[in-house]
Amino acid sequence: MKLKIMALFFLMIQFSCSSGKIIPTSDVCSLKKHYKDSVFQVLINKKPISKHWYIYEDAKDVTKLLADQNKCMH
């Protein structure tokens, strides 16, 4: 009886502490240059994430942030 309780307790601990798998996204981040100015728009799957335009360094930082949040690959 004691062995069964210990085995059940062990199984509860083993499976209750596990976390789900992190599935990487297949969405792609990209940048689109403004046709006149030297500013860039951030896109996910060729769709703008907002109406904002950024200088290149800031646009790259936004794509890195989105990739860190698993919203897209860069």
PDB file of N, CA and C in Angstrom:
ATOM      1  N   MET A   1       0.825  -1.199   0.000  1.00  0.00           N
ATOM      2  CA  MET A   1       0.000   0.000   0.000  1.00  0.00           C
ATOM      3  C   MET A   1       0.865   1.257   0.000  1.00  0.00           C
ATOM      4  N   LYS A   2       1.877   1.277   0.863  1.00  0.00           N
ATOM      5  CA  LYS A   2       2.756   2.436   0.962  1.00  0.00           C
ATOM      6  C   LYS A   2       3.506   2.663  -0.354  1.00  0.00           C
ATOM      7  N   LEU A   3       3.891   1.574  -1.001  1.00  0.00           N
ATOM      8  CA  LEU A   3       4.602   1.672  -2.280  1.00  0.00           C
ATOM      9  C   LEU A   3       3.711   2.268  -3.368  1.00  0.00           C
ATOM     10  N   LYS A   4       2.436   1.900  -3.380  1.00  0.00           N
ATOM     11  CA  LYS A   4       1.501   2.447  -4.366  1.00  0.00           C
ATOM     12  C   LYS A   4       1.306   3.946  -4.161  1.00  0.00           C
ATOM     13  N   ILE A   5       1.207   4.371  -2.912  1.00  0.00           N
ATOM     14  CA  ILE A   5       1.040   5.801  -2.625  1.00  0.00           C
ATOM     15  C   ILE A   5       2.278   6.581  -3.050  1.00  0.00           C
ATOM     16  N   MET A   6       3.453   6.027  -2.775  1.00  0.00           N
ATOM     17  CA  MET A   6       4.696   6.700  -3.180  1.00  0.00           C
ATOM     18  C   MET A   6       4.799   6.784  -4.700  1.00  0.00           C
ATOM     19  N   ALA A   7       4.411   5.718  -5.386  1.00  0.00           N
ATOM     20  CA  ALA A   7       4.462   5.719  -6.847  1.00  0.00           C
ATOM     21  C   ALA A   7       3.480   6.742  -7.421  1.00  0.00           C
ATOM     22  N   LEU A   8       2.277   6.799  -6.851  1.00  0.00           N
ATOM     23  CA  LEU A   8       1.292   7.773  -7.305  1.00  0.00           C
ATOM     24  C   LEU A   8       1.773   9.199  -7.054  1.00  0.00           C
ATOM     25  N   PHE A   9       2.357   9.440  -5.898  1.00  0.00           N
ATOM     26  CA  PHE A   9       2.893  10.760  -5.558  1.00  0.00           C
ATOM     27  C   PHE A   9       4.005  11.151  -6.535  1.00  0.00           C
ATOM     28  N   PHE A  10       4.882  10.208  -6.838  1.00  0.00           N
ATOM     29  CA  PHE A  10       5.970  10.472  -7.784  1.00  0.00           C
ATOM     30  C   PHE A  10       5.423  10.835  -9.164  1.00  0.00           C
ATOM     31  N   LEU A  11       4.424  10.106  -9.632  1.00  0.00           N
ATOM     32  CA  LEU A  11       3.833  10.391 -10.943  1.00  0.00           C
ATOM     33  C   LEU A  11       3.155  11.757 -10.970  1.00  0.00           C
ATOM     34  N   MET A  12       2.496  12.115  -9.862  1.00  0.00           N
ATOM     35  CA  MET A  12       1.854  13.437  -9.798  1.00  0.00           C
ATOM     36  C   MET A  12       2.885  14.551  -9.916  1.00  0.00           C
ATOM     37  N   ILE A  13       3.975  14.412  -9.202  1.00  0.00           N
ATOM     38  CA  ILE A  13       5.023  15.434  -9.243  1.00  0.00           C
ATOM     39  C   ILE A  13       5.655  15.484 -10.626  1.00  0.00           C
ATOM     40  N   GLN A  14       5.906  14.335 -11.193  1.00  0.00           N
ATOM     41  CA  GLN A  14       6.572  14.258 -12.498  1.00  0.00           C
ATOM     42  C   GLN A  14       5.779  14.964 -13.585  1.00  0.00           C
ATOM     43  N   PHE A  15       4.475  14.790 -13.619  1.00  0.00           N
ATOM     44  CA  PHE A  15       3.675  15.334 -14.713  1.00  0.00           C
ATOM     45  C   PHE A  15       3.050  16.683 -14.401  1.00  0.00           C
ATOM     46  N   SER A  16       2.944  17.066 -13.162  1.00  0.00           N
ATOM     47  CA  SER A  16       2.338  18.354 -12.846  1.00  0.00           C
ATOM     48  C   SER A  16       3.308  19.505 -13.042  1.00  0.00           C
ATOM     49  N   CYS A  17       4.580  19.249 -13.016  1.00  0.00           N
ATOM     50  CA  CYS A  17       5.584  20.318 -13.134  1.00  0.00           C
ATOM     51  C   CYS A  17       6.068  20.521 -14.559  1.00  0.00           C
ATOM     52  N   SER A  18       5.622  19.727 -15.483  1.00  0.00           N
ATOM     53  CA  SER A  18       6.098  19.886 -16.852  1.00  0.00           C
ATOM     54  C   SER A  18       5.342  21.012 -17.544  1.00  0.00           C
ATOM     55  N   SER A  19       6.009  21.649 -18.469  1.00  0.00           N
ATOM     56  CA  SER A  19       5.371  22.723 -19.230  1.00  0.00           C
ATOM     57  C   SER A  19       5.185  22.262 -20.671  1.00  0.00           C
ATOM     58  N   GLY A  20       4.312  22.963 -21.381  1.00  0.00           N
ATOM     59  CA  GLY A  20       4.051  22.623 -22.770  1.00  0.00           C
ATOM     60  C   GLY A  20       5.218  22.994 -23.664  1.00  0.00           C
ATOM     61  N   LYS A  21       5.245  22.394 -24.813  1.00  0.00           N
ATOM     62  CA  LYS A  21       6.298  22.701 -25.783  1.00  0.00           C
ATOM     63  C   LYS A  21       6.101  24.098 -26.342  1.00  0.00           C
ATOM     64  N   ILE A  22       7.203  24.780 -26.591  1.00  0.00           N
ATOM     65  CA  ILE A  22       7.148  26.070 -27.268  1.00  0.00           C
ATOM     66  C   ILE A  22       7.288  25.799 -28.755  1.00  0.00           C
ATOM     67  N   ILE A  23       6.265  26.175 -29.488  1.00  0.00           N
ATOM     68  CA  ILE A  23       6.264  25.929 -30.928  1.00  0.00           C
ATOM     69  C   ILE A  23       6.689  27.212 -31.626  1.00  0.00           C
ATOM     70  N   PRO A  24       7.815  27.181 -32.333  1.00  0.00           N
ATOM     71  CA  PRO A  24       8.257  28.388 -33.027  1.00  0.00           C
ATOM     72  C   PRO A  24       7.284  28.774 -34.141  1.00  0.00           C
ATOM     73  N   THR A  25       7.147  30.057 -34.331  1.00  0.00           N
ATOM     74  CA  THR A  25       6.242  30.563 -35.356  1.00  0.00           C
ATOM     75  C   THR A  25       6.869  30.421 -36.744  1.00  0.00           C
ATOM     76  N   SER A  26       6.035  30.380 -37.739  1.00  0.00           N
ATOM     77  CA  SER A  26       6.525  30.352 -39.123  1.00  0.00           C
ATOM     78  C   SER A  26       6.295  31.698 -39.808  1.00  0.00           C
ATOM     79  N   ASP A  27       5.752  32.668 -39.063  1.00  0.00           N
ATOM     80  CA  ASP A  27       5.543  34.008 -39.614  1.00  0.00           C
ATOM     81  C   ASP A  27       6.892  34.706 -39.794  1.00  0.00           C
ATOM     82  N   VAL A  28       6.983  35.545 -40.813  1.00  0.00           N
ATOM     83  CA  VAL A  28       8.254  36.184 -41.161  1.00  0.00           C
ATOM     84  C   VAL A  28       8.154  37.699 -41.002  1.00  0.00           C
ATOM     85  N   CYS A  29       9.122  38.266 -40.286  1.00  0.00           N
ATOM     86  CA  CYS A  29       9.239  39.726 -40.165  1.00  0.00           C
ATOM     87  C   CYS A  29      10.072  40.246 -41.331  1.00  0.00           C
ATOM     88  N   SER A  30       9.686  41.390 -41.823  1.00  0.00           N
ATOM     89  CA  SER A  30      10.471  42.038 -42.872  1.00  0.00           C
ATOM     90  C   SER A  30      10.305  43.546 -42.747  1.00  0.00           C
ATOM     91  N   LEU A  31      11.107  44.268 -43.508  1.00  0.00           N
ATOM     92  CA  LEU A  31      11.049  45.727 -43.520  1.00  0.00           C
ATOM     93  C   LEU A  31      10.718  46.200 -44.927  1.00  0.00           C
ATOM     94  N   LYS A  32       9.946  47.279 -44.989  1.00  0.00           N
ATOM     95  CA  LYS A  32       9.595  47.893 -46.265  1.00  0.00           C
ATOM     96  C   LYS A  32      10.062  49.343 -46.217  1.00  0.00           C
ATOM     97  N   LYS A  33      10.886  49.717 -47.182  1.00  0.00           N
ATOM     98  CA  LYS A  33      11.405  51.085 -47.230  1.00  0.00           C
ATOM     99  C   LYS A  33      10.362  52.015 -47.853  1.00  0.00           C
ATOM    100  N   HIS A  34      10.237  53.191 -47.282  1.00  0.00           N
ATOM    101  CA  HIS A  34       9.345  54.215 -47.834  1.00  0.00           C
ATOM    102  C   HIS A  34       9.867  54.615 -49.216  1.00  0.00           C
ATOM    103  N   TYR A  35       8.968  54.859 -50.136  1.00  0.00           N
ATOM    104  CA  TYR A  35       9.398  55.138 -51.513  1.00  0.00           C
ATOM    105  C   TYR A  35      10.156  56.449 -51.663  1.00  0.00           C
ATOM    106  N   LYS A  36       9.946  57.420 -50.737  1.00  0.00           N
ATOM    107  CA  LYS A  36      10.655  58.692 -50.825  1.00  0.00           C
ATOM    108  C   LYS A  36      11.708  58.855 -49.735  1.00  0.00           C
ATOM    109  N   ASP A  37      11.308  58.573 -48.511  1.00  0.00           N
ATOM    110  CA  ASP A  37      12.165  58.867 -47.370  1.00  0.00           C
ATOM    111  C   ASP A  37      12.947  57.635 -46.924  1.00  0.00           C
ATOM    112  N   SER A  38      13.931  57.878 -46.069  1.00  0.00           N
ATOM    113  CA  SER A  38      14.748  56.792 -45.544  1.00  0.00           C
ATOM    114  C   SER A  38      14.169  56.291 -44.217  1.00  0.00           C
ATOM    115  N   VAL A  39      12.932  55.839 -44.263  1.00  0.00           N
ATOM    116  CA  VAL A  39      12.262  55.262 -43.103  1.00  0.00           C
ATOM    117  C   VAL A  39      11.662  53.919 -43.525  1.00  0.00           C
ATOM    118  N   PHE A  40      11.386  53.086 -42.519  1.00  0.00           N
ATOM    119  CA  PHE A  40      10.975  51.711 -42.798  1.00  0.00           C
ATOM    120  C   PHE A  40       9.731  51.344 -42.010  1.00  0.00           C
ATOM    121  N   GLN A  41       8.926  50.482 -42.595  1.00  0.00           N
ATOM    122  CA  GLN A  41       7.737  49.953 -41.950  1.00  0.00           C
ATOM    123  C   GLN A  41       7.993  48.477 -41.645  1.00  0.00           C
ATOM    124  N   VAL A  42       7.565  48.030 -40.478  1.00  0.00           N
ATOM    125  CA  VAL A  42       7.745  46.632 -40.080  1.00  0.00           C
ATOM    126  C   VAL A  42       6.541  45.823 -40.558  1.00  0.00           C
ATOM    127  N   LEU A  43       6.829  44.694 -41.212  1.00  0.00           N
ATOM    128  CA  LEU A  43       5.786  43.823 -41.756  1.00  0.00           C
ATOM    129  C   LEU A  43       5.899  42.428 -41.149  1.00  0.00           C
ATOM    130  N   ILE A  44       4.756  41.782 -40.965  1.00  0.00           N
ATOM    131  CA  ILE A  44       4.717  40.356 -40.646  1.00  0.00           C
ATOM    132  C   ILE A  44       3.919  39.700 -41.762  1.00  0.00           C
ATOM    133  N   ASN A  45       4.559  38.767 -42.442  1.00  0.00           N
ATOM    134  CA  ASN A  45       3.954  38.103 -43.612  1.00  0.00           C
ATOM    135  C   ASN A  45       3.462  39.120 -44.632  1.00  0.00           C
ATOM    136  N   LYS A  46       4.274  40.125 -44.879  1.00  0.00           N
ATOM    137  CA  LYS A  46       4.023  41.179 -45.876  1.00  0.00           C
ATOM    138  C   LYS A  46       2.841  42.084 -45.534  1.00  0.00           C
ATOM    139  N   LYS A  47       2.390  42.056 -44.254  1.00  0.00           N
ATOM    140  CA  LYS A  47       1.318  42.942 -43.803  1.00  0.00           C
ATOM    141  C   LYS A  47       1.872  43.859 -42.722  1.00  0.00           C
ATOM    142  N   PRO A  48       1.631  45.161 -42.813  1.00  0.00           N
ATOM    143  CA  PRO A  48       2.162  46.086 -41.801  1.00  0.00           C
ATOM    144  C   PRO A  48       1.608  45.787 -40.413  1.00  0.00           C
ATOM    145  N   ILE A  49       2.468  45.913 -39.403  1.00  0.00           N
ATOM    146  CA  ILE A  49       2.003  45.698 -38.033  1.00  0.00           C
ATOM    147  C   ILE A  49       1.322  46.954 -37.499  1.00  0.00           C
ATOM    148  N   SER A  50       1.639  48.109 -38.110  1.00  0.00           N
ATOM    149  CA  SER A  50       1.006  49.381 -37.740  1.00  0.00           C
ATOM    150  C   SER A  50       1.258  50.378 -38.869  1.00  0.00           C
ATOM    151  N   LYS A  51       0.777  51.587 -38.683  1.00  0.00           N
ATOM    152  CA  LYS A  51       0.998  52.635 -39.686  1.00  0.00           C
ATOM    153  C   LYS A  51       2.284  53.409 -39.428  1.00  0.00           C
ATOM    154  N   HIS A  52       3.025  53.030 -38.393  1.00  0.00           N
ATOM    155  CA  HIS A  52       4.243  53.752 -38.018  1.00  0.00           C
ATOM    156  C   HIS A  52       5.402  53.425 -38.950  1.00  0.00           C
ATOM    157  N   TRP A  53       6.244  54.423 -39.165  1.00  0.00           N
ATOM    158  CA  TRP A  53       7.466  54.279 -39.944  1.00  0.00           C
ATOM    159  C   TRP A  53       8.629  54.577 -39.006  1.00  0.00           C
ATOM    160  N   TYR A  54       9.725  53.816 -39.130  1.00  0.00           N
ATOM    161  CA  TYR A  54      10.857  53.911 -38.220  1.00  0.00           C
ATOM    162  C   TYR A  54      12.147  54.146 -38.995  1.00  0.00           C
ATOM    163  N   ILE A  55      13.135  54.730 -38.308  1.00  0.00           N
ATOM    164  CA  ILE A  55      14.466  54.731 -38.907  1.00  0.00           C
ATOM    165  C   ILE A  55      14.950  53.286 -38.885  1.00  0.00           C
ATOM    166  N   TYR A  56      15.947  52.987 -39.696  1.00  0.00           N
ATOM    167  CA  TYR A  56      16.363  51.593 -39.897  1.00  0.00           C
ATOM    168  C   TYR A  56      16.706  50.878 -38.587  1.00  0.00           C
ATOM    169  N   GLU A  57      17.496  51.527 -37.730  1.00  0.00           N
ATOM    170  CA  GLU A  57      17.931  50.890 -36.482  1.00  0.00           C
ATOM    171  C   GLU A  57      16.735  50.555 -35.585  1.00  0.00           C
ATOM    172  N   ASP A  58      15.778  51.472 -35.501  1.00  0.00           N
ATOM    173  CA  ASP A  58      14.592  51.223 -34.676  1.00  0.00           C
ATOM    174  C   ASP A  58      13.716  50.118 -35.282  1.00  0.00           C
ATOM    175  N   ALA A  59      13.611  50.098 -36.593  1.00  0.00           N
ATOM    176  CA  ALA A  59      12.824  49.058 -37.256  1.00  0.00           C
ATOM    177  C   ALA A  59      13.437  47.677 -37.003  1.00  0.00           C
ATOM    178  N   LYS A  60      14.762  47.596 -37.049  1.00  0.00           N
ATOM    179  CA  LYS A  60      15.436  46.329 -36.752  1.00  0.00           C
ATOM    180  C   LYS A  60      15.208  45.922 -35.304  1.00  0.00           C
ATOM    181  N   ASP A  61      15.223  46.890 -34.389  1.00  0.00           N
ATOM    182  CA  ASP A  61      14.950  46.590 -32.978  1.00  0.00           C
ATOM    183  C   ASP A  61      13.533  46.059 -32.786  1.00  0.00           C
ATOM    184  N   VAL A  62      12.576  46.622 -33.512  1.00  0.00           N
ATOM    185  CA  VAL A  62      11.185  46.152 -33.426  1.00  0.00           C
ATOM    186  C   VAL A  62      11.092  44.711 -33.920  1.00  0.00           C
ATOM    187  N   THR A  63      11.758  44.391 -35.030  1.00  0.00           N
ATOM    188  CA  THR A  63      11.715  43.018 -35.539  1.00  0.00           C
ATOM    189  C   THR A  63      12.371  42.047 -34.558  1.00  0.00           C
ATOM    190  N   LYS A  64      13.457  42.476 -33.917  1.00  0.00           N
ATOM    191  CA  LYS A  64      14.107  41.612 -32.919  1.00  0.00           C
ATOM    192  C   LYS A  64      13.183  41.389 -31.731  1.00  0.00           C
ATOM    193  N   LEU A  65      12.493  42.434 -31.290  1.00  0.00           N
ATOM    194  CA  LEU A  65      11.560  42.312 -30.179  1.00  0.00           C
ATOM    195  C   LEU A  65      10.416  41.356 -30.527  1.00  0.00           C
ATOM    196  N   LEU A  66       9.881  41.491 -31.722  1.00  0.00           N
ATOM    197  CA  LEU A  66       8.809  40.594 -32.161  1.00  0.00           C
ATOM    198  C   LEU A  66       9.298  39.147 -32.252  1.00  0.00           C
ATOM    199  N   ALA A  67      10.529  38.961 -32.712  1.00  0.00           N
ATOM    200  CA  ALA A  67      11.091  37.609 -32.790  1.00  0.00           C
ATOM    201  C   ALA A  67      11.301  37.034 -31.390  1.00  0.00           C
ATOM    202  N   ASP A  68      11.747  37.849 -30.449  1.00  0.00           N
ATOM    203  CA  ASP A  68      11.920  37.383 -29.071  1.00  0.00           C
ATOM    204  C   ASP A  68      10.599  36.981 -28.438  1.00  0.00           C
ATOM    205  N   GLN A  69       9.514  37.627 -28.875  1.00  0.00           N
ATOM    206  CA  GLN A  69       8.183  37.302 -28.369  1.00  0.00           C
ATOM    207  C   GLN A  69       7.525  36.170 -29.176  1.00  0.00           C
ATOM    208  N   ASN A  70       8.282  35.573 -30.089  1.00  0.00           N
ATOM    209  CA  ASN A  70       7.817  34.472 -30.928  1.00  0.00           C
ATOM    210  C   ASN A  70       6.632  34.869 -31.803  1.00  0.00           C
ATOM    211  N   LYS A  71       6.595  36.128 -32.232  1.00  0.00           N
ATOM    212  CA  LYS A  71       5.529  36.585 -33.126  1.00  0.00           C
ATOM    213  C   LYS A  71       5.958  36.475 -34.585  1.00  0.00           C
ATOM    214  N   CYS A  72       7.266  36.389 -34.817  1.00  0.00           N
ATOM    215  CA  CYS A  72       7.770  36.215 -36.171  1.00  0.00           C
ATOM    216  C   CYS A  72       9.238  35.811 -36.124  1.00  0.00           C
ATOM    217  N   MET A  73       9.735  35.342 -37.262  1.00  0.00           N
ATOM    218  CA  MET A  73      11.155  35.054 -37.415  1.00  0.00           C
ATOM    219  C   MET A  73      11.764  36.230 -38.171  1.00  0.00           C
ATOM    220  N   HIS A  74      13.008  36.504 -37.881  1.00  0.00           N
ATOM    221  CA  HIS A  74      13.659  37.580 -38.645  1.00  0.00           C
ATOM    222  C   HIS A  74      14.918  37.099 -39.263  1.00  0.00           C
TER     223      HIS A  74
END
